[in-house]
Structure formats: structure tokens, C-alpha cells
Amino acid sequence: MSRGLWYGVAAQTVWGLSPLYWRQLADVPPPLLIAHRVVWSLGTLAVLLLATGAVSARTKVLRPTTVRTCLSAAILIAINWLTYIWAVTTGYIVEASLGYFITPLVSVALGVLVLRERLRPTQWTAVGIATSGLAVLTWSTGTLPWIALVLASSFGVYGLVKKRAPLGPLDGLSVETGLLFLPAVGVIVWGGLGDTSSLQTSWTGLFLLGSTGVMTVLPLALFATSVQRIPLAHAGLIQYLAPTLQFFLGVFVYEEPFGPAELGGYALVWTAVVIFAGEGLRASRQHLADGDA
């Protein structure tokens, strides 16, 4: 369990510090950067799965329902990646972090609306406070925090789709990137070969583009290993490490605007996160106590 916890922390740290990496690629248009990410991720996954002998669920992959599910997941993750990279490379890291703060709450709301799950009163309270926080941000800034909402909704629905998929995390991502491979190659050929920016013609630029696969697959592999070793309540708590690191990078490293108006809205969201995380931990402990009894 201790090792699993550290795997989870490592995964969230990589995700949390990823803006430092993606900002080095800010000269590459986001669609082209996503295309490289898909191609290099598929290559990294192929090496990983072959090296570990983890190529599994081959018969399931061939089923039409599985392919349709993975295609839906692929479209959602592409939207998520594109939005996140655009936000990070254009100076909206703080709002991107907000999206991942509220993602668990969006997932809970989707569970109620789609899966007909029932929320406990404390969970309803957290959802209500977070919604109030988004309303305050919209009122104070005069614009809807659409980056956060797109990130949270796309990743929330992605999680819902993956919940119904019969594949593991790495197998599923392999199929998803495989489905995106040909469109990605088309984007690279159409928009990439004619680009003569110094970033893409230098060895440093080529190395950064080639490492997008490792930056995608490494934290996912660490996270997948972690959730197999630790309780879900602990996994749920450490998932807030990534947006916290992103928030601090946006405010203190890249000095994005963050005044009293934003602070009021974010304070409500953070309050909701604390309530939600604490309630989940309490429920997990109660479940374990009931099981021991």
C-alpha cells in the first residue's frame, strides 16, 4: 500500500508539473501538438505493452460495441487534451486547474443523471457549493469559465464511458490512440511538414515532441498501478495534488491574474472539494469498519 501511494503521488506530480513541459512547446499549434502526442503515445504504449507482455483483451477489441465505446472515449480525450494544451500554452493554467478541481464533482453529477446513483446529503452540499463558486466566478469576471467546464465535462464523461468499457487503462488508451492515429498523421502531414519554426527543426524541439508519448503514458501507468494497491478513497484524495500544483504554477511562476474576485469563487470551489474529499474518506472508513464487523 505504501508503494502504491507513492506511485499515485508520482503520477499526480507529473500531471501537476506538466505545464512546465507543455509551455516549452508553446510555438507548436495545439492541433499539431495533439497529433504528435497521439502518434508518440501509441508508439510508447506499443513498446510498453510488448515489453511487459500485457497485450490483452484482443478478442474484446474486435467487438463492435468495444470499438464504438473506445471511439467515443477517443473523441472525448482528444477534446480534453486540446483544451488543456491550448489553455496551458496561452496563459490559462489557473482556469485549467479549476477544471480538474471540479472534475470529481462533475463525475458525481453524471452518476446521478446517467446511472441513477443516489447522493448522500454531504455530497449534495459539496455540489451546491461548487456550483455557487462557478456562478461567483462568472459574475465577477463577466465570462463563463468555459475552459474549466470543458475540461471537467469532457474528462467526467470520459470516465463514465471508460466505466462501461471492458478494457484496462493501458489497453483502452492503446485502442483510443490507435483510432486517432490516422487523423493525427493527417494533421502532421498537412500542417506540420511545412512548418519551419526553430522548435520543430532543432534537436531540442524534436526531442520534446518525441517525448510527448512518455509524458502521456508514464503518469497513466503509475496511476493505474497505484489504484490497484491503495483504497479508492486515498486515490481520490491524492488526485487533488495535480490541480493544486497547476494552480501554484499559474499564479506564482507564470503570474496569471488572480485577484479578490477570483479568490471568492475559488474559495467556494475549494470548500466544496474539502467537503467532498472528507465525506468520501469518512464513507470509506465506515465501509471498512462494517466489513470488519
Protein backbone atom coordinates (compact mmCIF):
# COMPACT_ATOMS: atom_id res chain seq x y z
CA MET A 1 0.00 0.00 0.00
CA SER A 2 2.85 2.40 0.82
CA ARG A 3 4.40 1.81 -2.60
CA GLY A 4 1.03 2.28 -4.25
CA LEU A 5 0.61 5.62 -2.51
CA TRP A 6 3.96 6.82 -3.80
CA TYR A 7 3.08 5.68 -7.33
CA GLY A 8 -0.07 7.76 -7.08
CA VAL A 9 1.80 10.79 -5.77
CA ALA A 10 4.34 10.44 -8.58
CA ALA A 11 1.58 10.30 -11.20
CA GLN A 12 -0.18 13.37 -9.81
CA THR A 13 3.13 15.24 -9.54
CA VAL A 14 3.90 14.63 -13.21
CA TRP A 15 0.42 15.82 -14.19
CA GLY A 16 0.67 18.79 -11.84
CA LEU A 17 4.03 19.96 -13.17
CA SER A 18 3.17 19.21 -16.81
CA PRO A 19 2.54 22.92 -17.64
CA LEU A 20 6.30 23.45 -17.32
CA TYR A 21 6.76 20.91 -20.11
CA TRP A 22 3.92 21.98 -22.40
CA ARG A 23 4.93 25.63 -22.21
CA GLN A 24 8.22 24.66 -23.88
CA LEU A 25 6.11 23.63 -26.87
CA ALA A 26 4.00 26.80 -27.00
CA ASP A 27 5.26 27.64 -30.51
CA VAL A 28 3.61 24.50 -31.90
CA PRO A 29 -0.09 24.95 -32.81
CA PRO A 30 -2.22 22.94 -30.34
CA PRO A 31 -3.85 20.70 -33.00
CA LEU A 32 -0.42 19.77 -34.34
CA LEU A 33 0.88 19.20 -30.82
CA ILE A 34 -2.07 16.88 -30.07
CA ALA A 35 -1.36 14.98 -33.29
CA HIS A 36 2.24 14.40 -32.19
CA ARG A 37 1.01 13.39 -28.75
CA VAL A 38 -1.27 10.74 -30.27
CA VAL A 39 1.40 9.30 -32.58
CA TRP A 40 4.17 9.18 -29.97
CA SER A 41 1.79 7.90 -27.28
CA LEU A 42 0.77 4.99 -29.48
CA GLY A 43 4.41 4.13 -30.09
CA THR A 44 5.21 4.35 -26.36
CA LEU A 45 2.21 2.18 -25.47
CA ALA A 46 3.16 -0.43 -28.06
CA VAL A 47 6.67 -0.71 -26.61
CA LEU A 48 5.34 -0.85 -23.05
CA LEU A 49 2.70 -3.47 -23.73
CA LEU A 50 5.06 -5.66 -25.73
CA ALA A 51 7.85 -5.35 -23.14
CA THR A 52 5.59 -6.29 -20.24
CA GLY A 53 3.61 -8.93 -22.09
CA ALA A 54 0.45 -7.03 -21.19
CA VAL A 55 -1.19 -7.19 -24.62
CA SER A 56 -4.58 -8.43 -23.52
CA ALA A 57 -8.28 -8.40 -24.34
CA ARG A 58 -7.60 -8.90 -28.07
CA THR A 59 -10.92 -10.57 -28.69
CA LYS A 60 -12.78 -7.81 -26.85
CA VAL A 61 -11.11 -5.16 -29.01
CA LEU A 62 -12.66 -6.72 -32.10
CA ARG A 63 -16.20 -6.42 -30.79
CA PRO A 64 -18.18 -3.57 -32.43
CA THR A 65 -19.52 -2.35 -29.09
CA THR A 66 -16.00 -2.08 -27.69
CA VAL A 67 -14.78 -0.19 -30.75
CA ARG A 68 -17.71 2.24 -30.53
CA THR A 69 -17.05 2.79 -26.84
CA CYS A 70 -13.35 3.41 -27.45
CA LEU A 71 -14.15 5.77 -30.34
CA SER A 72 -16.35 7.85 -28.04
CA ALA A 73 -13.60 7.85 -25.41
CA ALA A 74 -11.01 8.82 -28.04
CA ILE A 75 -13.04 11.85 -29.15
CA LEU A 76 -13.55 12.95 -25.55
CA ILE A 77 -9.90 12.61 -24.58
CA ALA A 78 -8.85 14.47 -27.74
CA ILE A 79 -11.15 17.36 -26.77
CA ASN A 80 -9.72 17.29 -23.25
CA TRP A 81 -6.10 17.25 -24.41
CA LEU A 82 -6.67 20.00 -26.98
CA THR A 83 -8.42 22.27 -24.48
CA TYR A 84 -5.82 21.70 -21.78
CA ILE A 85 -2.82 22.29 -24.02
CA TRP A 86 -4.38 25.40 -25.54
CA ALA A 87 -5.11 26.73 -22.03
CA VAL A 88 -1.62 25.99 -20.72
CA THR A 89 0.22 27.44 -23.71
CA THR A 90 -1.89 30.61 -23.88
CA GLY A 91 -1.84 31.61 -20.21
CA TYR A 92 -4.88 29.98 -18.63
CA ILE A 93 -3.23 27.47 -16.30
CA VAL A 94 -5.23 28.66 -13.28
CA GLU A 95 -8.57 28.12 -15.01
CA ALA A 96 -7.37 24.73 -16.28
CA SER A 97 -6.59 23.74 -12.69
CA LEU A 98 -10.14 24.73 -11.74
CA GLY A 99 -11.43 22.22 -14.27
CA TYR A 100 -9.62 19.37 -12.57
CA PHE A 101 -10.67 20.55 -9.12
CA ILE A 102 -14.34 20.20 -10.09
CA THR A 103 -13.99 17.06 -12.23
CA PRO A 104 -14.83 14.66 -9.34
CA LEU A 105 -17.96 16.69 -8.60
CA VAL A 106 -18.95 16.57 -12.27
CA SER A 107 -18.43 12.80 -12.22
CA VAL A 108 -20.76 12.54 -9.23
CA ALA A 109 -23.39 14.64 -11.01
CA LEU A 110 -23.12 12.42 -14.09
CA GLY A 111 -23.59 9.38 -11.87
CA VAL A 112 -26.88 10.85 -10.66
CA LEU A 113 -28.11 11.92 -14.09
CA VAL A 114 -26.98 8.92 -16.15
CA LEU A 115 -26.52 5.99 -13.78
CA ARG A 116 -29.33 6.99 -11.40
CA GLU A 117 -26.98 6.89 -8.43
CA ARG A 118 -28.06 8.47 -5.16
CA LEU A 119 -26.01 11.12 -3.42
CA ARG A 120 -25.59 11.47 0.30
CA PRO A 121 -26.60 14.86 1.78
CA THR A 122 -22.98 15.94 2.25
CA GLN A 123 -22.25 15.21 -1.42
CA TRP A 124 -25.23 17.34 -2.46
CA THR A 125 -23.85 20.13 -0.27
CA ALA A 126 -20.45 19.92 -1.99
CA VAL A 127 -22.02 20.03 -5.45
CA GLY A 128 -24.15 23.03 -4.47
CA ILE A 129 -21.20 24.98 -3.05
CA ALA A 130 -19.06 24.25 -6.13
CA THR A 131 -21.89 25.42 -8.40
CA SER A 132 -22.12 28.62 -6.36
CA GLY A 133 -18.37 29.11 -6.80
CA LEU A 134 -18.67 28.84 -10.58
CA ALA A 135 -21.56 31.29 -10.51
CA VAL A 136 -19.47 33.78 -8.50
CA LEU A 137 -16.58 33.45 -10.98
CA THR A 138 -18.95 34.02 -13.89
CA TRP A 139 -20.48 37.08 -12.25
CA SER A 140 -17.18 38.60 -11.10
CA THR A 141 -15.27 38.10 -14.35
CA GLY A 142 -18.20 38.60 -16.71
CA THR A 143 -17.42 35.40 -18.59
CA LEU A 144 -18.28 31.77 -18.09
CA PRO A 145 -15.20 29.73 -17.05
CA TRP A 146 -15.58 27.66 -20.20
CA ILE A 147 -12.09 26.17 -20.10
CA ALA A 148 -12.73 24.65 -16.69
CA LEU A 149 -16.19 23.45 -17.73
CA VAL A 150 -14.95 21.84 -20.96
CA LEU A 151 -12.08 20.11 -19.14
CA ALA A 152 -14.30 18.89 -16.30
CA SER A 153 -17.19 17.76 -18.50
CA SER A 154 -15.04 16.07 -21.16
CA PHE A 155 -12.99 14.19 -18.56
CA GLY A 156 -16.07 13.41 -16.48
CA VAL A 157 -17.91 11.92 -19.45
CA TYR A 158 -14.68 10.17 -20.49
CA GLY A 159 -14.60 8.49 -17.08
CA LEU A 160 -18.25 7.48 -17.50
CA VAL A 161 -17.53 5.94 -20.90
CA LYS A 162 -14.44 4.15 -19.58
CA LYS A 163 -16.51 2.75 -16.72
CA ARG A 164 -18.54 0.85 -19.31
CA ALA A 165 -15.54 -0.24 -21.39
CA PRO A 166 -14.26 -3.81 -20.92
CA LEU A 167 -10.59 -2.80 -21.24
CA GLY A 168 -7.94 -1.84 -18.71
CA PRO A 169 -6.43 1.67 -18.63
CA LEU A 170 -3.42 0.97 -20.86
CA ASP A 171 -5.27 -1.36 -23.23
CA GLY A 172 -8.07 1.17 -23.55
CA LEU A 173 -5.71 4.08 -24.19
CA SER A 174 -3.90 1.97 -26.81
CA VAL A 175 -7.14 1.42 -28.72
CA GLU A 176 -8.16 5.06 -28.34
CA THR A 177 -4.86 6.41 -29.64
CA GLY A 178 -4.96 3.77 -32.38
CA LEU A 179 -8.32 5.12 -33.54
CA LEU A 180 -6.88 8.65 -33.55
CA PHE A 181 -3.63 7.62 -35.26
CA LEU A 182 -4.60 8.17 -38.92
CA PRO A 183 -6.26 11.56 -38.30
CA ALA A 184 -3.18 12.56 -36.30
CA VAL A 185 -0.83 11.56 -39.11
CA GLY A 186 -3.01 13.57 -41.49
CA VAL A 187 -2.70 16.66 -39.28
CA ILE A 188 1.09 16.25 -39.07
CA VAL A 189 1.48 15.81 -42.83
CA TRP A 190 -0.91 18.63 -43.70
CA GLY A 191 0.09 21.14 -41.04
CA GLY A 192 3.45 20.02 -39.75
CA LEU A 193 5.83 19.35 -42.60
CA GLY A 194 5.58 22.89 -43.92
CA ASP A 195 6.23 24.45 -40.51
CA THR A 196 9.80 25.75 -40.34
CA SER A 197 9.74 27.00 -36.75
CA SER A 198 13.04 26.64 -34.94
CA LEU A 199 11.35 24.48 -32.32
CA GLN A 200 10.45 21.74 -34.77
CA THR A 201 13.69 21.85 -36.75
CA SER A 202 16.04 21.77 -33.77
CA TRP A 203 17.14 18.67 -31.92
CA THR A 204 15.64 20.06 -28.73
CA GLY A 205 12.30 20.59 -30.41
CA LEU A 206 12.31 17.11 -31.92
CA PHE A 207 13.18 15.61 -28.54
CA LEU A 208 10.35 17.49 -26.82
CA LEU A 209 7.84 16.42 -29.47
CA GLY A 210 9.05 12.82 -29.29
CA SER A 211 8.75 12.77 -25.51
CA THR A 212 5.05 13.69 -25.59
CA GLY A 213 4.34 9.96 -25.61
CA VAL A 214 6.27 9.36 -22.41
CA MET A 215 4.64 12.41 -20.78
CA THR A 216 1.25 10.91 -21.61
CA VAL A 217 1.80 7.24 -20.80
CA LEU A 218 4.15 7.43 -17.78
CA PRO A 219 1.75 9.11 -15.30
CA LEU A 220 -1.14 6.96 -16.54
CA ALA A 221 0.86 3.78 -15.94
CA LEU A 222 1.88 5.00 -12.48
CA PHE A 223 -1.71 5.89 -11.64
CA ALA A 224 -3.08 2.57 -12.92
CA THR A 225 -0.54 0.73 -10.76
CA SER A 226 -1.38 2.92 -7.78
CA VAL A 227 -5.15 2.34 -7.79
CA GLN A 228 -4.56 -1.40 -7.74
CA ARG A 229 -2.66 -1.09 -4.44
CA ILE A 230 -4.46 1.59 -2.41
CA PRO A 231 -8.08 2.21 -1.35
CA LEU A 232 -10.12 4.34 -3.76
CA ALA A 233 -10.65 6.92 -1.02
CA HIS A 234 -6.90 7.52 -0.87
CA ALA A 235 -6.69 7.65 -4.66
CA GLY A 236 -9.49 10.21 -4.61
CA LEU A 237 -7.64 12.40 -2.12
CA ILE A 238 -4.29 12.47 -3.92
CA GLN A 239 -5.96 13.37 -7.23
CA TYR A 240 -6.23 16.95 -5.95
CA LEU A 241 -2.42 17.20 -5.87
CA ALA A 242 -2.22 17.75 -9.65
CA PRO A 243 -4.60 20.75 -9.91
CA THR A 244 -3.05 22.23 -6.75
CA LEU A 245 0.41 22.18 -8.34
CA GLN A 246 -1.04 23.58 -11.58
CA PHE A 247 -2.71 26.40 -9.66
CA PHE A 248 0.52 27.38 -7.89
CA LEU A 249 2.43 27.30 -11.18
CA GLY A 250 -0.14 29.54 -12.82
CA VAL A 251 -0.21 32.11 -10.00
CA PHE A 252 3.36 32.16 -8.72
CA VAL A 253 5.50 31.04 -11.67
CA TYR A 254 3.62 32.40 -14.69
CA GLU A 255 1.94 35.22 -12.71
CA GLU A 256 -1.52 34.82 -14.21
CA PRO A 257 -4.15 37.31 -12.93
CA PHE A 258 -5.74 36.23 -9.66
CA GLY A 259 -7.45 38.94 -7.65
CA PRO A 260 -10.08 39.13 -4.90
CA ALA A 261 -12.93 38.38 -7.32
CA GLU A 262 -11.33 35.13 -8.45
CA LEU A 263 -10.37 34.28 -4.88
CA GLY A 264 -14.01 34.36 -3.76
CA GLY A 265 -15.13 31.92 -6.42
CA TYR A 266 -12.17 29.60 -5.97
CA ALA A 267 -12.63 29.63 -2.18
CA LEU A 268 -16.14 28.22 -2.64
CA VAL A 269 -14.85 25.54 -5.01
CA TRP A 270 -12.04 24.60 -2.62
CA THR A 271 -14.55 24.40 0.23
CA ALA A 272 -16.64 22.02 -1.85
CA VAL A 273 -13.57 19.92 -2.62
CA VAL A 274 -12.65 19.65 1.07
CA ILE A 275 -16.21 18.64 1.99
CA PHE A 276 -16.40 16.13 -0.85
CA ALA A 277 -12.99 14.58 -0.12
CA GLY A 278 -13.63 14.41 3.61
CA GLU A 279 -17.02 12.79 3.12
CA GLY A 280 -15.53 10.22 0.75
CA LEU A 281 -12.81 9.34 3.25
CA ARG A 282 -15.38 9.02 6.06
CA ALA A 283 -17.60 6.79 3.94
CA SER A 284 -14.63 4.60 3.02
CA ARG A 285 -13.63 4.17 6.66
CA GLN A 286 -17.22 3.34 7.59
CA HIS A 287 -17.37 0.75 4.82
CA LEU A 288 -14.15 -0.87 6.04
CA ALA A 289 -15.42 -0.85 9.62
CA ASP A 290 -18.68 -2.52 8.54
CA GLY A 291 -16.71 -5.09 6.60
CA ASP A 292 -14.50 -5.91 9.59
CA ALA A 293 -17.59 -6.24 11.74
